[in-house]
PDB file of N, CA and C in Angstrom:
ATOM      1  N   MET A   1      92.199  68.831  78.610  1.00  0.00           N
ATOM      2  CA  MET A   1      92.790  67.615  79.171  1.00  0.00           C
ATOM      3  C   MET A   1      92.104  66.480  78.412  1.00  0.00           C
ATOM      4  N   ASN A   2      93.026  65.469  77.959  1.00  0.00           N
ATOM      5  CA  ASN A   2      92.425  64.325  77.390  1.00  0.00           C
ATOM      6  C   ASN A   2      91.956  63.406  78.124  1.00  0.00           C
ATOM      7  N   ASN A   3      90.644  62.724  77.996  1.00  0.00           N
ATOM      8  CA  ASN A   3      90.046  61.778  78.908  1.00  0.00           C
ATOM      9  C   ASN A   3      90.459  60.377  78.276  1.00  0.00           C
ATOM     10  N   PHE A   4      91.622  59.931  78.869  1.00  0.00           N
ATOM     11  CA  PHE A   4      92.301  58.650  78.193  1.00  0.00           C
ATOM     12  C   PHE A   4      91.430  57.504  78.713  1.00  0.00           C
ATOM     13  N   LYS A   5      90.942  57.809  80.079  1.00  0.00           N
ATOM     14  CA  LYS A   5      90.226  56.688  80.702  1.00  0.00           C
ATOM     15  C   LYS A   5      88.886  56.375  80.164  1.00  0.00           C
ATOM     16  N   GLU A   6      88.150  57.010  79.512  1.00  0.00           N
ATOM     17  CA  GLU A   6      87.001  56.852  78.967  1.00  0.00           C
ATOM     18  C   GLU A   6      87.207  56.236  77.540  1.00  0.00           C
ATOM     19  N   VAL A   7      88.056  56.642  76.843  1.00  0.00           N
ATOM     20  CA  VAL A   7      88.559  55.850  75.476  1.00  0.00           C
ATOM     21  C   VAL A   7      88.982  54.644  75.671  1.00  0.00           C
ATOM     22  N   ILE A   8      90.096  54.478  76.627  1.00  0.00           N
ATOM     23  CA  ILE A   8      90.396  53.105  77.029  1.00  0.00           C
ATOM     24  C   ILE A   8      89.422  52.236  77.443  1.00  0.00           C
ATOM     25  N   LEU A   9      88.594  52.461  78.278  1.00  0.00           N
ATOM     26  CA  LEU A   9      87.480  51.708  78.819  1.00  0.00           C
ATOM     27  C   LEU A   9      86.625  51.222  77.736  1.00  0.00           C
ATOM     28  N   ASN A  10      86.339  51.958  76.626  1.00  0.00           N
ATOM     29  CA  ASN A  10      85.473  51.627  75.505  1.00  0.00           C
ATOM     30  C   ASN A  10      85.998  50.818  74.373  1.00  0.00           C
ATOM     31  N   LYS A  11      87.633  50.878  74.372  1.00  0.00           N
ATOM     32  CA  LYS A  11      88.333  50.253  73.133  1.00  0.00           C
ATOM     33  C   LYS A  11      89.280  49.360  73.390  1.00  0.00           C
ATOM     34  N   PHE A  12      89.730  49.300  74.817  1.00  0.00           N
ATOM     35  CA  PHE A  12      90.955  48.398  74.881  1.00  0.00           C
ATOM     36  C   PHE A  12      90.734  46.945  74.498  1.00  0.00           C
ATOM     37  N   CYS A  13      91.861  46.235  74.085  1.00  0.00           N
ATOM     38  CA  CYS A  13      91.888  44.939  73.719  1.00  0.00           C
ATOM     39  C   CYS A  13      93.037  44.181  74.040  1.00  0.00           C
ATOM     40  N   TYR A  14      93.061  43.121  73.593  1.00  0.00           N
ATOM     41  CA  TYR A  14      94.211  42.088  74.072  1.00  0.00           C
ATOM     42  C   TYR A  14      94.785  41.414  72.855  1.00  0.00           C
ATOM     43  N   THR A  15      96.037  41.036  72.775  1.00  0.00           N
ATOM     44  CA  THR A  15      96.650  40.046  71.771  1.00  0.00           C
ATOM     45  C   THR A  15      96.642  38.866  72.642  1.00  0.00           C
ATOM     46  N   ASP A  16      97.018  37.553  71.810  1.00  0.00           N
ATOM     47  CA  ASP A  16      97.199  36.290  72.444  1.00  0.00           C
ATOM     48  C   ASP A  16      98.234  36.196  73.433  1.00  0.00           C
ATOM     49  N   LEU A  17      99.301  36.947  73.204  1.00  0.00           N
ATOM     50  CA  LEU A  17     100.547  36.826  73.805  1.00  0.00           C
ATOM     51  C   LEU A  17     100.531  37.485  75.162  1.00  0.00           C
ATOM     52  N   VAL A  18      99.584  38.735  75.166  1.00  0.00           N
ATOM     53  CA  VAL A  18      99.763  39.657  76.398  1.00  0.00           C
ATOM     54  C   VAL A  18      99.190  38.737  77.532  1.00  0.00           C
ATOM     55  N   TYR A  19      98.395  37.714  77.441  1.00  0.00           N
ATOM     56  CA  TYR A  19      97.833  37.180  78.716  1.00  0.00           C
ATOM     57  C   TYR A  19      98.915  36.312  79.360  1.00  0.00           C
ATOM     58  N   GLY A  20      99.891  35.849  78.730  1.00  0.00           N
ATOM     59  CA  GLY A  20     101.203  35.088  79.248  1.00  0.00           C
ATOM     60  C   GLY A  20     101.941  36.011  80.009  1.00  0.00           C
ATOM     61  N   ARG A  21     102.095  37.124  79.265  1.00  0.00           N
ATOM     62  CA  ARG A  21     103.043  38.317  79.813  1.00  0.00           C
ATOM     63  C   ARG A  21     102.412  38.829  81.103  1.00  0.00           C
ATOM     64  N   ILE A  22     101.236  39.282  81.140  1.00  0.00           N
ATOM     65  CA  ILE A  22     100.758  39.549  82.335  1.00  0.00           C
ATOM     66  C   ILE A  22     100.787  38.696  83.476  1.00  0.00           C
ATOM     67  N   ASN A  23     100.508  37.389  83.364  1.00  0.00           N
ATOM     68  CA  ASN A  23     100.507  36.416  84.289  1.00  0.00           C
ATOM     69  C   ASN A  23     102.063  36.328  84.842  1.00  0.00           C
ATOM     70  N   LYS A  24     102.992  36.373  83.872  1.00  0.00           N
ATOM     71  CA  LYS A  24     104.448  36.280  84.034  1.00  0.00           C
ATOM     72  C   LYS A  24     104.764  37.608  84.865  1.00  0.00           C
ATOM     73  N   LYS A  25     104.565  38.765  84.486  1.00  0.00           N
ATOM     74  CA  LYS A  25     105.019  40.053  85.000  1.00  0.00           C
ATOM     75  C   LYS A  25     104.537  40.196  86.288  1.00  0.00           C
ATOM     76  N   LEU A  26     103.272  39.849  86.517  1.00  0.00           N
ATOM     77  CA  LEU A  26     102.445  39.996  87.899  1.00  0.00           C
ATOM     78  C   LEU A  26     102.719  38.604  88.759  1.00  0.00           C
ATOM     79  N   ASN A  27     103.204  37.753  88.233  1.00  0.00           N
ATOM     80  CA  ASN A  27     103.413  36.367  89.087  1.00  0.00           C
ATOM     81  C   ASN A  27     102.049  35.859  89.383  1.00  0.00           C
ATOM     82  N   LEU A  28     101.274  35.766  88.415  1.00  0.00           N
ATOM     83  CA  LEU A  28      99.906  35.077  88.674  1.00  0.00           C
ATOM     84  C   LEU A  28      99.866  33.831  87.685  1.00  0.00           C
ATOM     85  N   THR A  29      98.663  33.231  88.005  1.00  0.00           N
ATOM     86  CA  THR A  29      98.301  31.976  87.154  1.00  0.00           C
ATOM     87  C   THR A  29      96.560  32.073  86.833  1.00  0.00           C
ATOM     88  N   LEU A  30      96.461  33.200  86.275  1.00  0.00           N
ATOM     89  CA  LEU A  30      95.014  33.503  85.725  1.00  0.00           C
ATOM     90  C   LEU A  30      94.547  32.980  84.638  1.00  0.00           C
ATOM     91  N   SER A  31      93.511  32.611  84.186  1.00  0.00           N
ATOM     92  CA  SER A  31      92.888  32.381  83.046  1.00  0.00           C
ATOM     93  C   SER A  31      92.572  33.640  82.295  1.00  0.00           C
ATOM     94  N   ASN A  32      92.414  33.602  80.947  1.00  0.00           N
ATOM     95  CA  ASN A  32      92.254  34.843  79.992  1.00  0.00           C
ATOM     96  C   ASN A  32      90.942  35.689  80.518  1.00  0.00           C
ATOM     97  N   PRO A  33      89.970  35.007  81.090  1.00  0.00           N
ATOM     98  CA  PRO A  33      88.715  35.821  81.447  1.00  0.00           C
ATOM     99  C   PRO A  33      89.107  36.426  82.756  1.00  0.00           C
ATOM    100  N   GLU A  34      89.913  35.838  83.515  1.00  0.00           N
ATOM    101  CA  GLU A  34      90.206  36.403  84.859  1.00  0.00           C
ATOM    102  C   GLU A  34      91.130  37.532  84.806  1.00  0.00           C
ATOM    103  N   ILE A  35      92.180  37.374  83.941  1.00  0.00           N
ATOM    104  CA  ILE A  35      93.018  38.577  83.388  1.00  0.00           C
ATOM    105  C   ILE A  35      92.221  39.608  82.894  1.00  0.00           C
ATOM    106  N   GLU A  36      91.267  39.450  82.038  1.00  0.00           N
ATOM    107  CA  GLU A  36      90.263  40.473  81.496  1.00  0.00           C
ATOM    108  C   GLU A  36      89.762  41.170  82.630  1.00  0.00           C
ATOM    109  N   GLU A  37      88.997  40.533  83.522  1.00  0.00           N
ATOM    110  CA  GLU A  37      88.171  41.050  84.650  1.00  0.00           C
ATOM    111  C   GLU A  37      89.377  41.843  85.621  1.00  0.00           C
ATOM    112  N   LEU A  38      90.630  41.461  85.881  1.00  0.00           N
ATOM    113  CA  LEU A  38      91.572  42.042  86.742  1.00  0.00           C
ATOM    114  C   LEU A  38      91.845  43.362  85.815  1.00  0.00           C
ATOM    115  N   ILE A  39      92.122  43.524  84.565  1.00  0.00           N
ATOM    116  CA  ILE A  39      92.394  44.665  83.930  1.00  0.00           C
ATOM    117  C   ILE A  39      91.254  45.618  84.027  1.00  0.00           C
ATOM    118  N   LEU A  40      90.267  45.327  83.606  1.00  0.00           N
ATOM    119  CA  LEU A  40      88.858  46.009  83.748  1.00  0.00           C
ATOM    120  C   LEU A  40      88.884  46.799  85.053  1.00  0.00           C
ATOM    121  N   LYS A  41      88.982  46.032  86.101  1.00  0.00           N
ATOM    122  CA  LYS A  41      88.955  46.537  87.615  1.00  0.00           C
ATOM    123  C   LYS A  41      90.090  47.540  87.791  1.00  0.00           C
ATOM    124  N   ILE A  42      91.244  47.365  87.225  1.00  0.00           N
ATOM    125  CA  ILE A  42      92.198  48.374  87.516  1.00  0.00           C
ATOM    126  C   ILE A  42      92.062  49.660  86.729  1.00  0.00           C
ATOM    127  N   ILE A  43      91.644  49.375  85.524  1.00  0.00           N
ATOM    128  CA  ILE A  43      91.374  50.500  84.675  1.00  0.00           C
ATOM    129  C   ILE A  43      90.183  51.444  85.335  1.00  0.00           C
ATOM    130  N   SER A  44      89.225  50.633  85.689  1.00  0.00           N
ATOM    131  CA  SER A  44      87.795  51.355  86.285  1.00  0.00           C
ATOM    132  C   SER A  44      88.327  52.235  87.478  1.00  0.00           C
ATOM    133  N   GLU A  45      89.149  51.462  88.194  1.00  0.00           N
ATOM    134  CA  GLU A  45      89.376  52.065  89.836  1.00  0.00           C
ATOM    135  C   GLU A  45      90.508  53.188  89.714  1.00  0.00           C
ATOM    136  N   THR A  46      91.264  53.305  88.724  1.00  0.00           N
ATOM    137  CA  THR A  46      92.355  54.262  88.402  1.00  0.00           C
ATOM    138  C   THR A  46      91.934  55.661  88.262  1.00  0.00           C
ATOM    139  N   ALA A  47      92.295  56.717  88.913  1.00  0.00           N
ATOM    140  CA  ALA A  47      91.884  58.009  88.656  1.00  0.00           C
ATOM    141  C   ALA A  47      92.428  58.486  87.379  1.00  0.00           C
ATOM    142  N   PRO A  48      91.647  59.278  86.708  1.00  0.00           N
ATOM    143  CA  PRO A  48      91.917  59.730  85.399  1.00  0.00           C
ATOM    144  C   PRO A  48      93.319  60.601  85.604  1.00  0.00           C
ATOM    145  N   SER A  49      93.643  61.102  86.468  1.00  0.00           N
ATOM    146  CA  SER A  49      94.814  61.748  86.607  1.00  0.00           C
ATOM    147  C   SER A  49      96.174  60.892  86.544  1.00  0.00           C
ATOM    148  N   GLU A  50      96.032  59.672  86.720  1.00  0.00           N
ATOM    149  CA  GLU A  50      96.803  58.686  86.603  1.00  0.00           C
ATOM    150  C   GLU A  50      97.172  57.924  85.228  1.00  0.00           C
ATOM    151  N   PHE A  51      96.295  58.530  84.237  1.00  0.00           N
ATOM    152  CA  PHE A  51      96.454  58.041  82.827  1.00  0.00           C
ATOM    153  C   PHE A  51      97.650  58.896  82.130  1.00  0.00           C
ATOM    154  N   ILE A  52      98.691  58.585  81.959  1.00  0.00           N
ATOM    155  CA  ILE A  52      99.844  59.613  81.339  1.00  0.00           C
ATOM    156  C   ILE A  52     100.199  59.059  80.093  1.00  0.00           C
ATOM    157  N   LYS A  53     100.177  59.879  79.101  1.00  0.00           N
ATOM    158  CA  LYS A  53     100.538  59.472  77.684  1.00  0.00           C
ATOM    159  C   LYS A  53     102.023  59.842  77.473  1.00  0.00           C
ATOM    160  N   LYS A  54     102.887  59.133  77.217  1.00  0.00           N
ATOM    161  CA  LYS A  54     104.231  59.229  76.765  1.00  0.00           C
ATOM    162  C   LYS A  54     104.649  58.770  75.556  1.00  0.00           C
ATOM    163  N   GLY A  55     104.894  59.475  74.532  1.00  0.00           N
ATOM    164  CA  GLY A  55     105.069  58.838  73.108  1.00  0.00           C
ATOM    165  C   GLY A  55     103.873  58.148  72.574  1.00  0.00           C
ATOM    166  N   LYS A  56     103.988  56.851  72.120  1.00  0.00           N
ATOM    167  CA  LYS A  56     102.855  56.143  71.494  1.00  0.00           C
ATOM    168  C   LYS A  56     102.135  55.374  72.634  1.00  0.00           C
ATOM    169  N   ASN A  57     102.528  55.426  73.936  1.00  0.00           N
ATOM    170  CA  ASN A  57     101.857  54.771  75.023  1.00  0.00           C
ATOM    171  C   ASN A  57     101.366  55.499  75.916  1.00  0.00           C
ATOM    172  N   ILE A  58     100.247  54.720  76.602  1.00  0.00           N
ATOM    173  CA  ILE A  58      99.481  55.316  77.808  1.00  0.00           C
ATOM    174  C   ILE A  58      99.796  54.524  78.930  1.00  0.00           C
ATOM    175  N   TYR A  59     100.225  55.051  80.017  1.00  0.00           N
ATOM    176  CA  TYR A  59     100.707  54.613  81.206  1.00  0.00           C
ATOM    177  C   TYR A  59      99.607  54.729  82.233  1.00  0.00           C
ATOM    178  N   ILE A  60      99.118  53.643  82.811  1.00  0.00           N
ATOM    179  CA  ILE A  60      97.978  53.742  83.950  1.00  0.00           C
ATOM    180  C   ILE A  60      98.597  53.143  85.254  1.00  0.00           C
ATOM    181  N   THR A  61      98.755  53.952  86.163  1.00  0.00           N
ATOM    182  CA  THR A  61      99.193  53.762  87.355  1.00  0.00           C
ATOM    183  C   THR A  61      98.213  53.566  88.534  1.00  0.00           C
ATOM    184  N   ASN A  62      98.147  52.625  89.096  1.00  0.00           N
ATOM    185  CA  ASN A  62      97.064  52.305  90.168  1.00  0.00           C
ATOM    186  C   ASN A  62      97.990  51.977  91.601  1.00  0.00           C
ATOM    187  N   HIS A  63      98.001  53.029  92.365  1.00  0.00           N
ATOM    188  CA  HIS A  63      98.977  52.718  93.470  1.00  0.00           C
ATOM    189  C   HIS A  63      98.292  51.804  94.412  1.00  0.00           C
ATOM    190  N   THR A  64      96.908  51.613  94.505  1.00  0.00           N
ATOM    191  CA  THR A  64      96.335  50.819  95.543  1.00  0.00           C
ATOM    192  C   THR A  64      96.642  49.322  95.228  1.00  0.00           C
ATOM    193  N   LYS A  65      96.443  48.901  93.811  1.00  0.00           N
ATOM    194  CA  LYS A  65      96.951  47.609  93.410  1.00  0.00           C
ATOM    195  C   LYS A  65      98.511  47.617  93.254  1.00  0.00           C
ATOM    196  N   LYS A  66      99.064  48.503  93.240  1.00  0.00           N
ATOM    197  CA  LYS A  66     100.717  48.579  92.924  1.00  0.00           C
ATOM    198  C   LYS A  66     100.929  47.833  91.458  1.00  0.00           C
ATOM    199  N   VAL A  67     100.283  48.313  90.645  1.00  0.00           N
ATOM    200  CA  VAL A  67     100.277  47.949  89.050  1.00  0.00           C
ATOM    201  C   VAL A  67     100.386  49.070  88.089  1.00  0.00           C
ATOM    202  N   ARG A  68     101.307  48.948  87.210  1.00  0.00           N
ATOM    203  CA  ARG A  68     101.239  49.937  86.229  1.00  0.00           C
ATOM    204  C   ARG A  68     100.792  49.069  84.890  1.00  0.00           C
ATOM    205  N   LEU A  69      99.969  49.600  84.054  1.00  0.00           N
ATOM    206  CA  LEU A  69      99.549  49.056  82.749  1.00  0.00           C
ATOM    207  C   LEU A  69     100.183  49.961  81.667  1.00  0.00           C
ATOM    208  N   THR A  70     100.694  49.344  80.610  1.00  0.00           N
ATOM    209  CA  THR A  70     100.979  49.971  79.364  1.00  0.00           C
ATOM    210  C   THR A  70     100.073  49.703  78.369  1.00  0.00           C
ATOM    211  N   ILE A  71      99.445  50.743  77.709  1.00  0.00           N
ATOM    212  CA  ILE A  71      98.606  50.419  76.596  1.00  0.00           C
ATOM    213  C   ILE A  71      99.096  51.405  75.265  1.00  0.00           C
ATOM    214  N   ASN A  72      99.086  50.745  74.213  1.00  0.00           N
ATOM    215  CA  ASN A  72      99.262  51.351  72.985  1.00  0.00           C
ATOM    216  C   ASN A  72      98.094  52.451  72.649  1.00  0.00           C
ATOM    217  N   SER A  73      98.641  53.712  72.566  1.00  0.00           N
ATOM    218  CA  SER A  73      97.463  54.836  72.288  1.00  0.00           C
ATOM    219  C   SER A  73      96.869  54.744  70.907  1.00  0.00           C
ATOM    220  N   PHE A  74      97.526  54.093  69.908  1.00  0.00           N
ATOM    221  CA  PHE A  74      96.945  54.054  68.765  1.00  0.00           C
ATOM    222  C   PHE A  74      96.003  52.894  68.461  1.00  0.00           C
ATOM    223  N   THR A  75      96.376  51.785  69.035  1.00  0.00           N
ATOM    224  CA  THR A  75      95.505  50.526  68.860  1.00  0.00           C
ATOM    225  C   THR A  75      94.657  50.266  70.139  1.00  0.00           C
ATOM    226  N   ASN A  76      95.038  50.988  71.174  1.00  0.00           N
ATOM    227  CA  ASN A  76      94.221  50.618  72.536  1.00  0.00           C
ATOM    228  C   ASN A  76      94.644  49.221  72.904  1.00  0.00           C
ATOM    229  N   ARG A  77      95.728  48.587  72.742  1.00  0.00           N
ATOM    230  CA  ARG A  77      95.945  47.342  73.066  1.00  0.00           C
ATOM    231  C   ARG A  77      96.824  47.159  74.214  1.00  0.00           C
ATOM    232  N   ILE A  78      96.511  46.487  75.339  1.00  0.00           N
ATOM    233  CA  ILE A  78      97.309  46.201  76.359  1.00  0.00           C
ATOM    234  C   ILE A  78      98.663  45.601  75.955  1.00  0.00           C
ATOM    235  N   ILE A  79      99.686  46.294  76.365  1.00  0.00           N
ATOM    236  CA  ILE A  79     101.077  45.772  76.079  1.00  0.00           C
ATOM    237  C   ILE A  79     101.652  44.923  77.267  1.00  0.00           C
ATOM    238  N   THR A  80     101.559  45.436  78.312  1.00  0.00           N
ATOM    239  CA  THR A  80     101.949  44.790  79.553  1.00  0.00           C
ATOM    240  C   THR A  80     101.536  45.360  80.841  1.00  0.00           C
ATOM    241  N   ALA A  81     101.668  44.723  81.941  1.00  0.00           N
ATOM    242  CA  ALA A  81     101.463  45.083  83.330  1.00  0.00           C
ATOM    243  C   ALA A  81     102.741  44.851  84.175  1.00  0.00           C
ATOM    244  N   ASP A  82     103.103  45.874  84.834  1.00  0.00           N
ATOM    245  CA  ASP A  82     104.301  45.693  85.742  1.00  0.00           C
ATOM    246  C   ASP A  82     103.856  45.982  87.283  1.00  0.00           C
ATOM    247  N   LYS A  83     104.681  45.257  88.020  1.00  0.00           N
ATOM    248  CA  LYS A  83     104.416  45.482  89.670  1.00  0.00           C
ATOM    249  C   LYS A  83     105.217  46.712  89.821  1.00  0.00           C
ATOM    250  N   MET A  84     104.576  47.383  90.766  1.00  0.00           N
ATOM    251  CA  MET A  84     105.393  48.912  91.116  1.00  0.00           C
ATOM    252  C   MET A  84     106.116  48.394  92.651  1.00  0.00           C
TER     253      MET A  84
END
């Protein structure tokens, strides 16, 4: 079994556009550092079994926070966050 959680925690990054996308999709008004803190917390608190690779993306589903993150598996960039 691949340990996507460990890899993502060590290498994930952001693009400038993703901050606005996360605020919009999650209906938030957080600053960039607050978004980074939120994403780190979501990834850290999610069980490794909830990291699912489909095609080029890894989907991280956190049922407690009711959020699904999408991360590009090649670049480890956060693509988006969706409410569940």
